[in-house]
């Protein structure tokens, strides 16, 4: 019976986490959809501010550039050269949205690629997700009085934090770059502010419940251990993707 429970537990966890990884590989459509809905609602607020503030003549050129900017580099330049302005804030959020989707898509490269290409893609994805996490953390503090922007920052930060939970730190492989506990807390903050009856909120609640139930590692000597934790699963998943990076580094030496 214990062996049967272990098999059921492992299959259940693998199924749930498999759906999560597939979500990452397919572009995290659900997450992107929610974040882009928040972005559209925020845009309406920005447009109202734009016309009400009377800054159209002085900032119109920046808004035009922002409207046509469709890559992280261009958005970063707008944010850098217009610090402290509404266009800069919008550019920072937009850059974070693009980098989040890009990072989730590329964290686990297609195995048919050459090892060097896989390694480069994965390294860039990790950098993107770490930037997204730090950006959203700062934006959440800056926009704490704006409900919509705060929600987006919490959700984006949580996604990046969770995605990095199985990625080892460069200087200490025994430590991870992400923390599932932090991700859960951020998800909870987001869920506390949204309609719990929406399909996305219900799905996210199930996901968070699974993270809370299966997230932490259980000592091997604990007889109640019946399967891998989420942390262990993410570590195994990272180990599966890591050999390409190791092969690429070996060829460079």
Protein backbone atom coordinates (compact mmCIF):
# COMPACT_ATOMS: atom_id res chain seq x y z
CA UNK A 1 0.00 0.00 0.00
CA UNK A 2 2.80 2.42 0.86
CA UNK A 3 4.43 1.75 -2.50
CA UNK A 4 1.11 2.29 -4.27
CA UNK A 5 0.59 5.62 -2.44
CA UNK A 6 4.09 6.68 -3.43
CA UNK A 7 3.37 5.91 -7.08
CA UNK A 8 0.08 7.80 -7.02
CA UNK A 9 1.66 10.78 -5.26
CA UNK A 10 4.56 10.88 -7.72
CA UNK A 11 2.25 10.64 -10.73
CA UNK A 12 0.01 13.39 -9.36
CA UNK A 13 2.91 15.73 -8.71
CA UNK A 14 4.54 14.99 -12.05
CA UNK A 15 1.24 15.64 -13.83
CA UNK A 16 0.72 18.98 -12.11
CA UNK A 17 4.28 20.13 -12.59
CA UNK A 18 4.29 18.82 -16.14
CA UNK A 19 1.38 21.11 -16.94
CA UNK A 20 3.30 23.99 -15.41
CA UNK A 21 6.40 23.31 -17.51
CA UNK A 22 4.26 22.96 -20.62
CA UNK A 23 2.79 26.34 -19.76
CA UNK A 24 6.28 27.80 -19.68
CA UNK A 25 7.22 26.20 -23.00
CA UNK A 26 4.07 27.42 -24.72
CA UNK A 27 4.65 31.01 -23.71
CA UNK A 28 2.83 31.02 -20.37
CA UNK A 29 -0.39 31.98 -22.12
CA UNK A 30 -2.55 32.19 -19.01
CA UNK A 31 -0.08 34.38 -17.15
CA UNK A 32 0.50 36.54 -20.19
CA UNK A 33 -3.22 36.95 -20.71
CA UNK A 34 -3.79 38.17 -17.16
CA UNK A 35 -0.79 40.50 -17.25
CA UNK A 36 -1.84 41.94 -20.59
CA UNK A 37 -5.39 42.49 -19.35
CA UNK A 38 -3.93 44.40 -16.43
CA UNK A 39 -1.77 46.30 -18.89
CA UNK A 40 -4.78 47.32 -20.98
CA UNK A 41 -6.66 48.54 -17.92
CA UNK A 42 -3.61 50.45 -16.80
CA UNK A 43 -3.27 52.00 -20.25
CA UNK A 44 -6.73 53.50 -19.88
CA UNK A 45 -5.63 55.17 -16.65
CA UNK A 46 -2.46 56.43 -18.33
CA UNK A 47 -4.39 57.90 -21.25
CA UNK A 48 -6.67 59.74 -18.86
CA UNK A 49 -3.67 61.08 -16.96
CA UNK A 50 -2.01 62.12 -20.22
CA UNK A 51 -4.90 64.31 -21.37
CA UNK A 52 -5.73 65.64 -17.92
CA UNK A 53 -2.19 66.67 -17.02
CA UNK A 54 -1.59 68.97 -19.96
CA UNK A 55 1.82 67.50 -20.80
CA UNK A 56 0.90 66.46 -24.30
CA UNK A 57 3.06 69.01 -26.05
CA UNK A 58 6.18 68.34 -23.96
CA UNK A 59 5.98 64.54 -23.91
CA UNK A 60 4.18 63.67 -27.12
CA UNK A 61 7.40 62.60 -28.85
CA UNK A 62 8.20 60.20 -26.01
CA UNK A 63 4.72 58.69 -26.14
CA UNK A 64 5.08 58.19 -29.90
CA UNK A 65 8.38 56.38 -29.38
CA UNK A 66 6.83 54.31 -26.61
CA UNK A 67 3.90 53.34 -28.80
CA UNK A 68 6.24 51.98 -31.47
CA UNK A 69 8.73 50.31 -29.11
CA UNK A 70 8.23 46.56 -29.31
CA UNK A 71 11.45 45.12 -27.93
CA UNK A 72 13.08 45.19 -24.47
CA UNK A 73 16.11 47.18 -25.62
CA UNK A 74 14.06 50.08 -27.01
CA UNK A 75 11.84 50.12 -23.94
CA UNK A 76 14.87 50.13 -21.66
CA UNK A 77 16.28 53.14 -23.48
CA UNK A 78 13.02 55.06 -23.10
CA UNK A 79 12.93 54.28 -19.39
CA UNK A 80 16.58 55.27 -18.94
CA UNK A 81 16.34 58.62 -20.74
CA UNK A 82 13.01 59.68 -19.23
CA UNK A 83 13.41 58.73 -15.59
CA UNK A 84 10.68 59.79 -13.22
CA UNK A 85 8.06 60.29 -15.92
CA UNK A 86 4.89 58.38 -16.75
CA UNK A 87 6.32 57.17 -20.10
CA UNK A 88 9.32 55.74 -18.23
CA UNK A 89 7.04 53.88 -15.81
CA UNK A 90 5.01 52.43 -18.67
CA UNK A 91 8.20 51.42 -20.48
CA UNK A 92 9.53 49.62 -17.39
CA UNK A 93 6.33 47.62 -17.02
CA UNK A 94 6.25 46.80 -20.72
CA UNK A 95 9.88 45.68 -20.69
CA UNK A 96 9.20 43.44 -17.69
CA UNK A 97 6.21 41.86 -19.45
CA UNK A 98 8.24 41.04 -22.54
CA UNK A 99 11.23 39.73 -20.59
CA UNK A 100 9.00 37.54 -18.40
CA UNK A 101 7.43 35.84 -21.39
CA UNK A 102 10.81 35.57 -23.11
CA UNK A 103 12.45 34.11 -20.02
CA UNK A 104 9.73 31.53 -19.38
CA UNK A 105 9.77 30.46 -23.02
CA UNK A 106 13.54 29.99 -23.16
CA UNK A 107 14.39 28.59 -19.72
CA UNK A 108 14.14 25.01 -21.02
CA UNK A 109 15.51 25.10 -24.59
CA UNK A 110 14.50 22.72 -27.33
CA UNK A 111 16.78 19.68 -27.09
CA UNK A 112 17.22 19.45 -30.86
CA UNK A 113 19.36 22.60 -30.81
CA UNK A 114 23.14 22.44 -30.58
CA UNK A 115 24.49 22.50 -27.00
CA UNK A 116 26.00 25.96 -27.49
CA UNK A 117 22.67 27.38 -28.64
CA UNK A 118 20.83 25.73 -25.75
CA UNK A 119 23.34 27.09 -23.25
CA UNK A 120 23.17 30.63 -24.62
CA UNK A 121 19.37 30.57 -24.68
CA UNK A 122 19.11 29.24 -21.14
CA UNK A 123 21.72 31.67 -19.76
CA UNK A 124 19.84 34.60 -21.30
CA UNK A 125 16.53 33.29 -19.94
CA UNK A 126 17.96 33.17 -16.42
CA UNK A 127 19.26 36.73 -16.76
CA UNK A 128 15.88 37.88 -18.08
CA UNK A 129 13.98 36.27 -15.20
CA UNK A 130 16.33 37.71 -12.60
CA UNK A 131 15.90 41.17 -14.10
CA UNK A 132 12.12 40.72 -14.20
CA UNK A 133 12.08 39.72 -10.55
CA UNK A 134 14.11 42.73 -9.41
CA UNK A 135 12.18 45.11 -11.67
CA UNK A 136 8.77 43.98 -10.45
CA UNK A 137 9.97 44.12 -6.85
CA UNK A 138 10.92 47.78 -7.28
CA UNK A 139 7.75 48.57 -9.24
CA UNK A 140 5.55 46.98 -6.57
CA UNK A 141 7.03 49.34 -3.99
CA UNK A 142 6.75 52.37 -6.25
CA UNK A 143 3.15 51.59 -7.25
CA UNK A 144 1.86 50.33 -3.90
CA UNK A 145 -1.01 52.85 -4.05
CA UNK A 146 -2.11 51.70 -7.51
CA UNK A 147 -4.11 48.44 -7.26
CA UNK A 148 -3.74 47.35 -10.88
CA UNK A 149 -0.03 47.99 -11.15
CA UNK A 150 0.60 46.36 -7.78
CA UNK A 151 -1.27 43.23 -8.86
CA UNK A 152 0.75 42.94 -12.04
CA UNK A 153 4.01 43.43 -10.16
CA UNK A 154 3.15 40.75 -7.58
CA UNK A 155 2.07 38.23 -10.21
CA UNK A 156 5.05 38.82 -12.48
CA UNK A 157 7.47 38.69 -9.57
CA UNK A 158 5.91 35.43 -8.35
CA UNK A 159 6.22 33.79 -11.76
CA UNK A 160 9.87 34.75 -12.09
CA UNK A 161 10.64 33.65 -8.51
CA UNK A 162 9.02 30.26 -9.05
CA UNK A 163 10.72 29.70 -12.40
CA UNK A 164 14.12 30.27 -10.77
CA UNK A 165 13.41 27.89 -7.88
CA UNK A 166 15.29 25.01 -9.50
CA UNK A 167 18.16 27.04 -10.96
CA UNK A 168 21.39 26.86 -8.92
CA UNK A 169 23.31 29.97 -7.99
CA UNK A 170 26.48 30.54 -10.01
CA UNK A 171 28.80 30.67 -6.98
CA UNK A 172 27.04 28.02 -4.89
CA UNK A 173 25.22 25.25 -6.82
CA UNK A 174 23.70 23.96 -3.58
CA UNK A 175 21.63 27.14 -3.30
CA UNK A 176 18.85 28.12 -5.68
CA UNK A 177 18.27 31.46 -7.35
CA UNK A 178 14.55 31.36 -6.59
CA UNK A 179 12.52 30.72 -3.44
CA UNK A 180 9.18 28.91 -3.60
CA UNK A 181 8.17 30.40 -0.26
CA UNK A 182 8.56 33.92 -1.63
CA UNK A 183 6.68 32.96 -4.78
CA UNK A 184 3.78 31.59 -2.74
CA UNK A 185 3.60 34.78 -0.65
CA UNK A 186 3.48 36.91 -3.80
CA UNK A 187 0.79 34.71 -5.34
CA UNK A 188 -1.22 35.06 -2.13
CA UNK A 189 -0.96 38.86 -2.25
CA UNK A 190 -2.21 38.80 -5.83
CA UNK A 191 -5.07 36.41 -5.08
CA UNK A 192 -6.17 38.51 -2.10
CA UNK A 193 -6.90 41.44 -4.44
CA UNK A 194 -8.62 39.75 -7.39
CA UNK A 195 -12.05 38.22 -7.92
CA UNK A 196 -11.72 34.63 -6.63
CA UNK A 197 -14.47 33.39 -8.97
CA UNK A 198 -12.61 34.13 -12.20
CA UNK A 199 -11.25 31.04 -14.02
CA UNK A 200 -7.66 32.25 -13.79
CA UNK A 201 -7.90 32.96 -10.05
CA UNK A 202 -9.39 29.51 -9.46
CA UNK A 203 -6.63 27.80 -11.46
CA UNK A 204 -3.95 29.83 -9.72
CA UNK A 205 -5.44 28.98 -6.32
CA UNK A 206 -5.15 25.27 -7.14
CA UNK A 207 -1.56 25.78 -8.23
CA UNK A 208 -0.68 27.67 -5.05
CA UNK A 209 -2.38 25.00 -2.93
CA UNK A 210 -0.22 22.37 -4.65
CA UNK A 211 2.92 24.43 -4.03
CA UNK A 212 2.03 24.77 -0.36
CA UNK A 213 1.27 21.06 0.01
CA UNK A 214 4.14 19.61 -1.99
CA UNK A 215 6.61 22.49 -2.15
CA UNK A 216 9.14 21.87 0.62
CA UNK A 217 11.65 19.07 0.69
CA UNK A 218 11.07 16.20 3.11
CA UNK A 219 14.06 14.45 4.74
CA UNK A 220 14.81 11.06 3.21
CA UNK A 221 14.58 9.38 6.63
CA UNK A 222 11.02 10.66 7.11
CA UNK A 223 8.76 7.62 6.62
CA UNK A 224 5.89 9.89 5.55
CA UNK A 225 7.78 10.85 2.39
CA UNK A 226 5.83 9.37 -0.53
CA UNK A 227 7.21 11.25 -3.53
CA UNK A 228 9.35 14.14 -4.74
CA UNK A 229 8.59 17.66 -3.59
CA UNK A 230 8.12 20.51 -6.03
CA UNK A 231 11.58 21.81 -5.12
CA UNK A 232 13.08 18.42 -5.91
CA UNK A 233 11.14 18.22 -9.15
CA UNK A 234 12.38 21.64 -10.25
CA UNK A 235 15.94 20.65 -9.36
CA UNK A 236 15.63 17.49 -11.45
CA UNK A 237 14.17 19.51 -14.30
CA UNK A 238 17.07 21.94 -14.11
CA UNK A 239 19.55 19.06 -14.09
CA UNK A 240 17.93 17.77 -17.26
CA UNK A 241 18.45 21.12 -19.00
CA UNK A 242 21.91 21.78 -17.56
CA UNK A 243 23.97 19.18 -19.52
CA UNK A 244 23.72 21.28 -22.68
CA UNK A 245 25.31 24.19 -20.83
CA UNK A 246 28.04 21.94 -19.47
CA UNK A 247 28.79 20.54 -22.93
CA UNK A 248 28.97 24.02 -24.41
CA UNK A 249 31.35 25.21 -21.69
CA UNK A 250 33.54 22.15 -22.25
CA UNK A 251 33.87 22.93 -25.94
CA UNK A 252 34.81 26.55 -25.24
CA UNK A 253 37.70 25.52 -22.97
